[in-house]
């Protein structure tokens, strides 16, 4: 189990990786890194949006893995019911993150992300990182999760 940090864009990750970001459960990728995911992975966005529209409730704490697009799989950690001023509290986001992580950690692919939750959701990275490490240890994850920083 390890977390490594790299300078550069998340979108420079090796092909055939899972690119993870935290999402709301309303089917909106409107700002921040989510907007960049929407631009780069329009089919993944449509898959995510349709999933949110169909399921409506009980999406929190899930991880949605979109079908492969442009040689990547987009992993959506559903950590908040809302977004913007309607986002969930920091405590709720951390609980949802903790419950969503095992699904992506069980995948047999390289995992890459930014410092998810720390942007528009406003959760200090150190708190999310602690949850990530706990989840990795609990499921005995043996891979590497790469965190990209600009």
N, C-alpha and C. Protein backbone atom coordinates (compact mmCIF):
# COMPACT_ATOMS: atom_id res chain seq x y z
N UNK A 1 0.85 -1.18 0.00
CA UNK A 1 0.00 0.00 0.00
C UNK A 1 0.89 1.24 0.00
N UNK A 2 0.63 2.11 -0.96
CA UNK A 2 1.38 3.36 -0.91
C UNK A 2 0.63 4.45 -1.68
N UNK A 3 0.89 5.65 -1.23
CA UNK A 3 0.40 6.84 -1.90
C UNK A 3 1.65 7.59 -2.35
N UNK A 4 1.69 7.93 -3.62
CA UNK A 4 2.82 8.73 -4.09
C UNK A 4 2.27 10.03 -4.67
N UNK A 5 3.10 11.04 -4.63
CA UNK A 5 2.73 12.36 -5.13
C UNK A 5 3.57 12.68 -6.35
N UNK A 6 2.91 13.22 -7.37
CA UNK A 6 3.59 13.62 -8.60
C UNK A 6 3.18 15.03 -8.95
N UNK A 7 4.12 15.76 -9.50
CA UNK A 7 3.82 17.09 -10.04
C UNK A 7 3.31 16.92 -11.46
N UNK A 8 2.29 17.69 -11.80
CA UNK A 8 1.75 17.64 -13.15
C UNK A 8 0.24 17.50 -13.12
N UNK A 9 -0.31 17.29 -14.28
CA UNK A 9 -1.75 17.16 -14.43
C UNK A 9 -2.19 15.71 -14.25
N UNK A 10 -3.28 15.53 -13.56
CA UNK A 10 -3.88 14.20 -13.41
C UNK A 10 -4.08 13.54 -14.77
N UNK A 11 -4.34 14.34 -15.77
CA UNK A 11 -4.64 13.81 -17.10
C UNK A 11 -3.38 13.36 -17.85
N UNK A 12 -2.22 13.41 -17.18
CA UNK A 12 -0.98 12.84 -17.71
C UNK A 12 -0.76 11.42 -17.19
N UNK A 13 -1.69 10.91 -16.41
CA UNK A 13 -1.57 9.55 -15.85
C UNK A 13 -1.43 8.54 -16.98
N UNK A 14 -0.79 7.41 -16.70
CA UNK A 14 -0.63 6.39 -17.74
C UNK A 14 -1.99 5.89 -18.24
N UNK A 15 -2.04 5.56 -19.52
CA UNK A 15 -3.25 4.98 -20.10
C UNK A 15 -3.61 3.71 -19.33
N UNK A 16 -4.86 3.32 -19.39
CA UNK A 16 -5.39 2.13 -18.73
C UNK A 16 -5.48 2.30 -17.22
N UNK A 17 -5.46 3.54 -16.75
CA UNK A 17 -5.60 3.84 -15.33
C UNK A 17 -7.03 4.21 -15.00
N UNK A 18 -7.34 4.20 -13.71
CA UNK A 18 -8.59 4.76 -13.22
C UNK A 18 -8.27 6.17 -12.74
N UNK A 19 -9.02 7.14 -13.24
CA UNK A 19 -8.88 8.53 -12.81
C UNK A 19 -10.05 8.84 -11.88
N UNK A 20 -9.75 9.09 -10.63
CA UNK A 20 -10.78 9.25 -9.60
C UNK A 20 -10.98 10.71 -9.26
N UNK A 21 -12.25 11.08 -9.08
CA UNK A 21 -12.57 12.39 -8.52
C UNK A 21 -13.83 12.26 -7.69
N UNK A 22 -14.02 13.19 -6.77
CA UNK A 22 -15.23 13.17 -5.93
C UNK A 22 -16.33 13.96 -6.63
N UNK A 23 -17.56 13.47 -6.45
CA UNK A 23 -18.71 14.02 -7.18
C UNK A 23 -19.90 14.23 -6.25
N UNK A 24 -20.82 15.02 -6.75
CA UNK A 24 -22.13 15.10 -6.12
C UNK A 24 -23.00 14.00 -6.73
N UNK A 25 -24.14 13.74 -6.11
CA UNK A 25 -25.02 12.69 -6.62
C UNK A 25 -26.20 13.26 -7.41
N UNK A 26 -26.04 14.47 -7.94
CA UNK A 26 -27.09 15.13 -8.70
C UNK A 26 -26.84 15.11 -10.21
N UNK A 27 -25.72 14.53 -10.62
CA UNK A 27 -25.44 14.45 -12.05
C UNK A 27 -24.87 15.73 -12.63
N UNK A 28 -24.14 16.49 -11.80
CA UNK A 28 -23.60 17.77 -12.25
C UNK A 28 -22.08 17.77 -12.10
N UNK A 29 -21.40 18.02 -13.21
CA UNK A 29 -19.96 18.27 -13.23
C UNK A 29 -19.80 19.68 -13.80
N UNK A 30 -20.04 20.68 -12.99
CA UNK A 30 -20.10 22.03 -13.51
C UNK A 30 -18.88 22.90 -13.30
N UNK A 31 -18.11 22.66 -12.26
CA UNK A 31 -16.97 23.53 -11.96
C UNK A 31 -15.77 22.70 -11.51
N UNK A 32 -14.66 23.40 -11.39
CA UNK A 32 -13.44 22.77 -10.89
C UNK A 32 -12.99 21.62 -11.78
N UNK A 33 -12.37 20.63 -11.15
CA UNK A 33 -11.84 19.51 -11.93
C UNK A 33 -12.97 18.70 -12.57
N UNK A 34 -14.16 18.71 -11.97
CA UNK A 34 -15.29 18.00 -12.57
C UNK A 34 -15.60 18.54 -13.96
N UNK A 35 -15.53 19.85 -14.12
CA UNK A 35 -15.79 20.46 -15.43
C UNK A 35 -14.73 19.99 -16.44
N UNK A 36 -13.50 19.81 -15.98
CA UNK A 36 -12.45 19.32 -16.88
C UNK A 36 -12.69 17.85 -17.24
N UNK A 37 -13.15 17.07 -16.27
CA UNK A 37 -13.52 15.68 -16.58
C UNK A 37 -14.64 15.66 -17.62
N UNK A 38 -15.61 16.54 -17.47
CA UNK A 38 -16.74 16.60 -18.40
C UNK A 38 -16.25 16.94 -19.82
N UNK A 39 -15.30 17.85 -19.91
CA UNK A 39 -14.75 18.24 -21.21
C UNK A 39 -13.97 17.11 -21.85
N UNK A 40 -13.16 16.42 -21.06
CA UNK A 40 -12.29 15.37 -21.59
C UNK A 40 -12.99 14.02 -21.77
N UNK A 41 -14.03 13.78 -20.97
CA UNK A 41 -14.70 12.49 -20.97
C UNK A 41 -16.22 12.67 -21.07
N UNK A 42 -16.70 13.16 -22.22
CA UNK A 42 -18.13 13.44 -22.35
C UNK A 42 -19.02 12.20 -22.24
N UNK A 43 -18.55 11.07 -22.70
CA UNK A 43 -19.34 9.83 -22.58
C UNK A 43 -19.43 9.39 -21.12
N UNK A 44 -18.35 9.55 -20.38
CA UNK A 44 -18.36 9.22 -18.96
C UNK A 44 -19.32 10.15 -18.22
N UNK A 45 -19.31 11.42 -18.60
CA UNK A 45 -20.25 12.35 -17.97
C UNK A 45 -21.69 11.91 -18.23
N UNK A 46 -22.01 11.55 -19.46
CA UNK A 46 -23.39 11.12 -19.78
C UNK A 46 -23.76 9.86 -19.00
N UNK A 47 -22.82 8.94 -18.86
CA UNK A 47 -23.04 7.71 -18.09
C UNK A 47 -23.34 8.06 -16.63
N UNK A 48 -22.51 8.94 -16.05
CA UNK A 48 -22.70 9.40 -14.67
C UNK A 48 -24.04 10.12 -14.51
N UNK A 49 -24.34 11.04 -15.42
CA UNK A 49 -25.59 11.81 -15.34
C UNK A 49 -26.81 10.89 -15.42
N UNK A 50 -26.80 9.95 -16.37
CA UNK A 50 -27.92 9.01 -16.49
C UNK A 50 -28.06 8.15 -15.24
N UNK A 51 -26.93 7.72 -14.68
CA UNK A 51 -26.96 6.93 -13.45
C UNK A 51 -27.61 7.74 -12.33
N UNK A 52 -27.20 8.98 -12.17
CA UNK A 52 -27.77 9.84 -11.12
C UNK A 52 -29.26 10.09 -11.37
N UNK A 53 -29.63 10.32 -12.63
CA UNK A 53 -31.03 10.59 -12.96
C UNK A 53 -31.91 9.37 -12.70
N UNK A 54 -31.41 8.18 -12.98
CA UNK A 54 -32.19 6.96 -12.80
C UNK A 54 -32.30 6.57 -11.34
N UNK A 55 -31.20 6.66 -10.63
CA UNK A 55 -31.16 6.18 -9.24
C UNK A 55 -31.75 7.18 -8.25
N UNK A 56 -31.58 8.45 -8.52
CA UNK A 56 -32.09 9.55 -7.70
C UNK A 56 -31.57 9.55 -6.26
N UNK A 57 -31.95 8.59 -5.46
CA UNK A 57 -31.59 8.56 -4.05
C UNK A 57 -30.61 7.43 -3.77
N UNK A 58 -30.07 7.45 -2.59
CA UNK A 58 -29.19 6.38 -2.12
C UNK A 58 -27.92 6.22 -2.96
N UNK A 59 -27.44 7.31 -3.51
CA UNK A 59 -26.20 7.25 -4.29
C UNK A 59 -24.98 7.59 -3.45
N UNK A 60 -25.20 8.23 -2.32
CA UNK A 60 -24.06 8.60 -1.49
C UNK A 60 -23.27 7.37 -1.09
N UNK A 61 -21.99 7.56 -1.00
CA UNK A 61 -21.06 6.53 -0.55
C UNK A 61 -20.82 5.44 -1.58
N UNK A 62 -21.26 5.66 -2.81
CA UNK A 62 -21.01 4.70 -3.88
C UNK A 62 -19.84 5.19 -4.74
N UNK A 63 -19.22 4.26 -5.43
CA UNK A 63 -18.26 4.61 -6.47
C UNK A 63 -18.84 4.13 -7.79
N UNK A 64 -18.94 5.03 -8.73
CA UNK A 64 -19.39 4.68 -10.07
C UNK A 64 -18.16 4.62 -10.96
N UNK A 65 -17.93 3.46 -11.56
CA UNK A 65 -16.85 3.31 -12.53
C UNK A 65 -17.46 3.36 -13.91
N UNK A 66 -17.11 4.37 -14.66
CA UNK A 66 -17.66 4.56 -16.00
C UNK A 66 -16.97 3.62 -16.98
N UNK A 67 -17.65 3.28 -18.08
CA UNK A 67 -16.99 2.46 -19.11
C UNK A 67 -15.74 3.18 -19.65
N UNK A 68 -14.78 2.40 -20.07
CA UNK A 68 -13.53 2.97 -20.56
C UNK A 68 -13.79 3.97 -21.68
N UNK A 69 -13.08 5.10 -21.59
CA UNK A 69 -13.18 6.16 -22.60
C UNK A 69 -11.80 6.79 -22.76
N UNK A 70 -11.35 6.93 -23.97
CA UNK A 70 -10.03 7.53 -24.24
C UNK A 70 -8.91 6.83 -23.45
N UNK A 71 -9.02 5.52 -23.32
CA UNK A 71 -8.01 4.68 -22.65
C UNK A 71 -7.97 4.84 -21.13
N UNK A 72 -9.01 5.42 -20.53
CA UNK A 72 -9.10 5.57 -19.08
C UNK A 72 -10.46 5.10 -18.59
N UNK A 73 -10.53 4.78 -17.30
CA UNK A 73 -11.80 4.59 -16.62
C UNK A 73 -11.94 5.74 -15.64
N UNK A 74 -13.07 6.43 -15.69
CA UNK A 74 -13.33 7.52 -14.75
C UNK A 74 -14.06 6.93 -13.55
N UNK A 75 -13.50 7.16 -12.37
CA UNK A 75 -14.10 6.71 -11.12
C UNK A 75 -14.71 7.89 -10.38
N UNK A 76 -15.99 7.81 -10.11
CA UNK A 76 -16.73 8.90 -9.45
C UNK A 76 -17.05 8.49 -8.02
N UNK A 77 -16.41 9.13 -7.06
CA UNK A 77 -16.73 8.90 -5.66
C UNK A 77 -17.91 9.80 -5.31
N UNK A 78 -19.05 9.22 -5.03
CA UNK A 78 -20.26 9.99 -4.71
C UNK A 78 -20.20 10.40 -3.23
N UNK A 79 -19.75 11.62 -2.98
CA UNK A 79 -19.49 12.02 -1.60
C UNK A 79 -20.43 13.09 -1.06
N UNK A 80 -21.26 13.68 -1.89
CA UNK A 80 -22.15 14.75 -1.44
C UNK A 80 -23.45 14.71 -2.24
N UNK A 81 -24.57 14.93 -1.54
CA UNK A 81 -25.85 15.02 -2.25
C UNK A 81 -25.89 16.25 -3.13
N UNK A 82 -25.36 17.34 -2.62
CA UNK A 82 -25.43 18.59 -3.36
C UNK A 82 -24.06 19.10 -3.77
N UNK A 83 -24.06 20.33 -4.24
CA UNK A 83 -22.83 20.98 -4.67
C UNK A 83 -22.97 22.47 -4.42
N UNK A 84 -21.86 23.20 -4.57
CA UNK A 84 -21.90 24.63 -4.29
C UNK A 84 -22.32 24.88 -2.86
N UNK A 85 -23.18 25.86 -2.66
CA UNK A 85 -23.60 26.18 -1.28
C UNK A 85 -24.48 25.09 -0.68
N UNK A 86 -24.89 24.12 -1.48
CA UNK A 86 -25.74 23.03 -1.01
C UNK A 86 -24.96 21.73 -0.77
N UNK A 87 -23.63 21.82 -0.81
CA UNK A 87 -22.82 20.62 -0.57
C UNK A 87 -23.03 20.13 0.86
N UNK A 88 -22.76 18.87 1.07
CA UNK A 88 -22.86 18.28 2.40
C UNK A 88 -21.77 18.84 3.30
N UNK A 89 -21.90 18.61 4.59
CA UNK A 89 -20.89 19.07 5.55
C UNK A 89 -19.60 18.28 5.36
N UNK A 90 -18.52 18.83 5.87
CA UNK A 90 -17.22 18.16 5.80
C UNK A 90 -17.31 16.76 6.42
N UNK A 91 -17.95 16.66 7.57
CA UNK A 91 -18.07 15.36 8.25
C UNK A 91 -18.84 14.36 7.38
N UNK A 92 -19.92 14.80 6.76
CA UNK A 92 -20.70 13.91 5.90
C UNK A 92 -19.90 13.49 4.67
N UNK A 93 -19.16 14.41 4.09
CA UNK A 93 -18.33 14.10 2.92
C UNK A 93 -17.27 13.07 3.28
N UNK A 94 -16.66 13.21 4.43
CA UNK A 94 -15.63 12.25 4.84
C UNK A 94 -16.23 10.86 5.09
N UNK A 95 -17.40 10.78 5.68
CA UNK A 95 -18.05 9.47 5.89
C UNK A 95 -18.37 8.84 4.55
N UNK A 96 -18.94 9.62 3.64
CA UNK A 96 -19.27 9.09 2.31
C UNK A 96 -18.02 8.65 1.56
N UNK A 97 -16.95 9.41 1.69
CA UNK A 97 -15.69 9.05 1.05
C UNK A 97 -15.19 7.71 1.57
N UNK A 98 -15.21 7.56 2.88
CA UNK A 98 -14.73 6.33 3.52
C UNK A 98 -15.50 5.11 3.01
N UNK A 99 -16.80 5.27 2.84
CA UNK A 99 -17.63 4.16 2.39
C UNK A 99 -17.49 3.89 0.89
N UNK A 100 -17.15 4.92 0.11
CA UNK A 100 -17.03 4.76 -1.34
C UNK A 100 -15.68 4.17 -1.77
N UNK A 101 -14.64 4.39 -1.01
CA UNK A 101 -13.29 4.01 -1.44
C UNK A 101 -13.06 2.52 -1.69
N UNK A 102 -13.58 1.61 -0.86
CA UNK A 102 -13.25 0.19 -1.10
C UNK A 102 -13.57 -0.30 -2.51
N UNK A 103 -14.63 0.19 -3.11
CA UNK A 103 -14.99 -0.26 -4.46
C UNK A 103 -13.87 0.02 -5.46
N UNK A 104 -13.33 1.21 -5.46
CA UNK A 104 -12.27 1.54 -6.41
C UNK A 104 -10.96 0.86 -6.02
N UNK A 105 -10.73 0.67 -4.73
CA UNK A 105 -9.48 0.04 -4.29
C UNK A 105 -9.42 -1.44 -4.65
N UNK A 106 -10.56 -2.04 -4.91
CA UNK A 106 -10.58 -3.46 -5.29
C UNK A 106 -10.32 -3.68 -6.78
N UNK A 107 -10.26 -2.61 -7.55
CA UNK A 107 -10.00 -2.73 -8.98
C UNK A 107 -8.53 -3.06 -9.21
N UNK A 108 -8.27 -3.80 -10.25
CA UNK A 108 -6.90 -4.21 -10.54
C UNK A 108 -6.30 -3.30 -11.62
N UNK A 109 -6.28 -2.01 -11.33
CA UNK A 109 -5.72 -1.02 -12.25
C UNK A 109 -4.98 0.02 -11.42
N UNK A 110 -4.13 0.73 -12.09
CA UNK A 110 -3.44 1.85 -11.48
C UNK A 110 -4.47 2.95 -11.18
N UNK A 111 -4.41 3.53 -9.99
CA UNK A 111 -5.37 4.55 -9.58
C UNK A 111 -4.66 5.89 -9.45
N UNK A 112 -5.28 6.92 -10.02
CA UNK A 112 -4.72 8.27 -10.01
C UNK A 112 -5.82 9.26 -9.67
N UNK A 113 -5.46 10.31 -8.94
CA UNK A 113 -6.42 11.36 -8.62
C UNK A 113 -5.69 12.65 -8.31
N UNK A 114 -6.48 13.69 -8.20
CA UNK A 114 -5.98 14.93 -7.60
C UNK A 114 -6.21 14.78 -6.09
N UNK A 115 -6.05 15.84 -5.35
CA UNK A 115 -6.37 15.82 -3.92
C UNK A 115 -7.89 15.97 -3.80
N UNK A 116 -8.59 14.88 -4.13
CA UNK A 116 -10.05 14.91 -4.17
C UNK A 116 -10.64 15.36 -2.83
N UNK A 117 -11.78 15.97 -2.91
CA UNK A 117 -12.52 16.59 -1.79
C UNK A 117 -11.96 17.95 -1.38
N UNK A 118 -10.71 18.25 -1.73
CA UNK A 118 -10.08 19.47 -1.21
C UNK A 118 -10.38 20.71 -2.03
N UNK A 119 -10.95 20.54 -3.21
CA UNK A 119 -11.27 21.69 -4.05
C UNK A 119 -12.59 22.31 -3.63
N UNK A 120 -13.58 22.18 -4.47
CA UNK A 120 -14.87 22.83 -4.23
C UNK A 120 -15.65 22.24 -3.05
N UNK A 121 -15.32 21.01 -2.65
CA UNK A 121 -15.98 20.45 -1.46
C UNK A 121 -15.37 21.00 -0.17
N UNK A 122 -14.17 21.58 -0.25
CA UNK A 122 -13.59 22.30 0.87
C UNK A 122 -13.10 21.46 2.04
N UNK A 123 -12.81 20.19 1.81
CA UNK A 123 -12.32 19.33 2.89
C UNK A 123 -10.79 19.35 2.86
N UNK A 124 -10.13 19.67 3.97
CA UNK A 124 -8.67 19.68 3.97
C UNK A 124 -8.11 18.33 3.51
N UNK A 125 -7.13 18.35 2.61
CA UNK A 125 -6.59 17.14 2.04
C UNK A 125 -6.11 16.17 3.12
N UNK A 126 -5.49 16.66 4.16
CA UNK A 126 -4.95 15.78 5.20
C UNK A 126 -6.04 14.88 5.79
N UNK A 127 -7.25 15.39 5.89
CA UNK A 127 -8.35 14.60 6.45
C UNK A 127 -8.80 13.52 5.46
N UNK A 128 -8.85 13.85 4.19
CA UNK A 128 -9.21 12.85 3.18
C UNK A 128 -8.08 11.82 3.05
N UNK A 129 -6.84 12.29 3.07
CA UNK A 129 -5.70 11.37 2.96
C UNK A 129 -5.72 10.34 4.09
N UNK A 130 -6.05 10.77 5.28
CA UNK A 130 -6.13 9.85 6.43
C UNK A 130 -7.16 8.76 6.16
N UNK A 131 -8.32 9.15 5.64
CA UNK A 131 -9.39 8.20 5.32
C UNK A 131 -8.92 7.24 4.22
N UNK A 132 -8.25 7.78 3.21
CA UNK A 132 -7.73 6.96 2.12
C UNK A 132 -6.76 5.91 2.66
N UNK A 133 -5.83 6.32 3.50
CA UNK A 133 -4.86 5.38 4.07
C UNK A 133 -5.55 4.29 4.89
N UNK A 134 -6.55 4.67 5.67
CA UNK A 134 -7.29 3.69 6.48
C UNK A 134 -8.00 2.68 5.58
N UNK A 135 -8.63 3.16 4.51
CA UNK A 135 -9.33 2.27 3.60
C UNK A 135 -8.36 1.33 2.91
N UNK A 136 -7.21 1.84 2.50
CA UNK A 136 -6.19 1.02 1.84
C UNK A 136 -5.72 -0.09 2.78
N UNK A 137 -5.49 0.27 4.04
CA UNK A 137 -5.03 -0.71 5.01
C UNK A 137 -6.10 -1.75 5.30
N UNK A 138 -7.33 -1.30 5.45
CA UNK A 138 -8.42 -2.20 5.79
C UNK A 138 -8.64 -3.29 4.73
N UNK A 139 -8.58 -2.92 3.46
CA UNK A 139 -8.80 -3.95 2.44
C UNK A 139 -7.49 -4.57 1.95
N UNK A 140 -6.40 -4.20 2.59
CA UNK A 140 -5.08 -4.75 2.26
C UNK A 140 -4.70 -4.45 0.81
N UNK A 141 -4.91 -3.22 0.42
CA UNK A 141 -4.58 -2.76 -0.93
C UNK A 141 -3.07 -2.80 -1.11
N UNK A 142 -2.63 -3.44 -2.18
CA UNK A 142 -1.19 -3.59 -2.40
C UNK A 142 -0.66 -2.72 -3.52
N UNK A 143 -1.55 -1.99 -4.17
CA UNK A 143 -1.13 -1.14 -5.28
C UNK A 143 -0.64 0.22 -4.82
N UNK A 144 -0.54 1.11 -5.80
CA UNK A 144 -0.12 2.48 -5.56
C UNK A 144 -1.20 3.42 -6.04
N UNK A 145 -1.53 4.38 -5.23
CA UNK A 145 -2.48 5.44 -5.60
C UNK A 145 -1.62 6.70 -5.80
N UNK A 146 -1.68 7.25 -6.99
CA UNK A 146 -0.89 8.44 -7.31
C UNK A 146 -1.76 9.68 -7.20
N UNK A 147 -1.27 10.65 -6.44
CA UNK A 147 -1.93 11.94 -6.27
C UNK A 147 -1.16 12.96 -7.11
N UNK A 148 -1.87 13.60 -8.02
CA UNK A 148 -1.26 14.58 -8.92
C UNK A 148 -1.51 15.99 -8.39
N UNK A 149 -0.45 16.77 -8.40
CA UNK A 149 -0.51 18.18 -7.97
C UNK A 149 0.09 19.05 -9.06
N UNK A 150 -0.58 20.15 -9.34
CA UNK A 150 -0.02 21.08 -10.34
C UNK A 150 1.12 21.87 -9.75
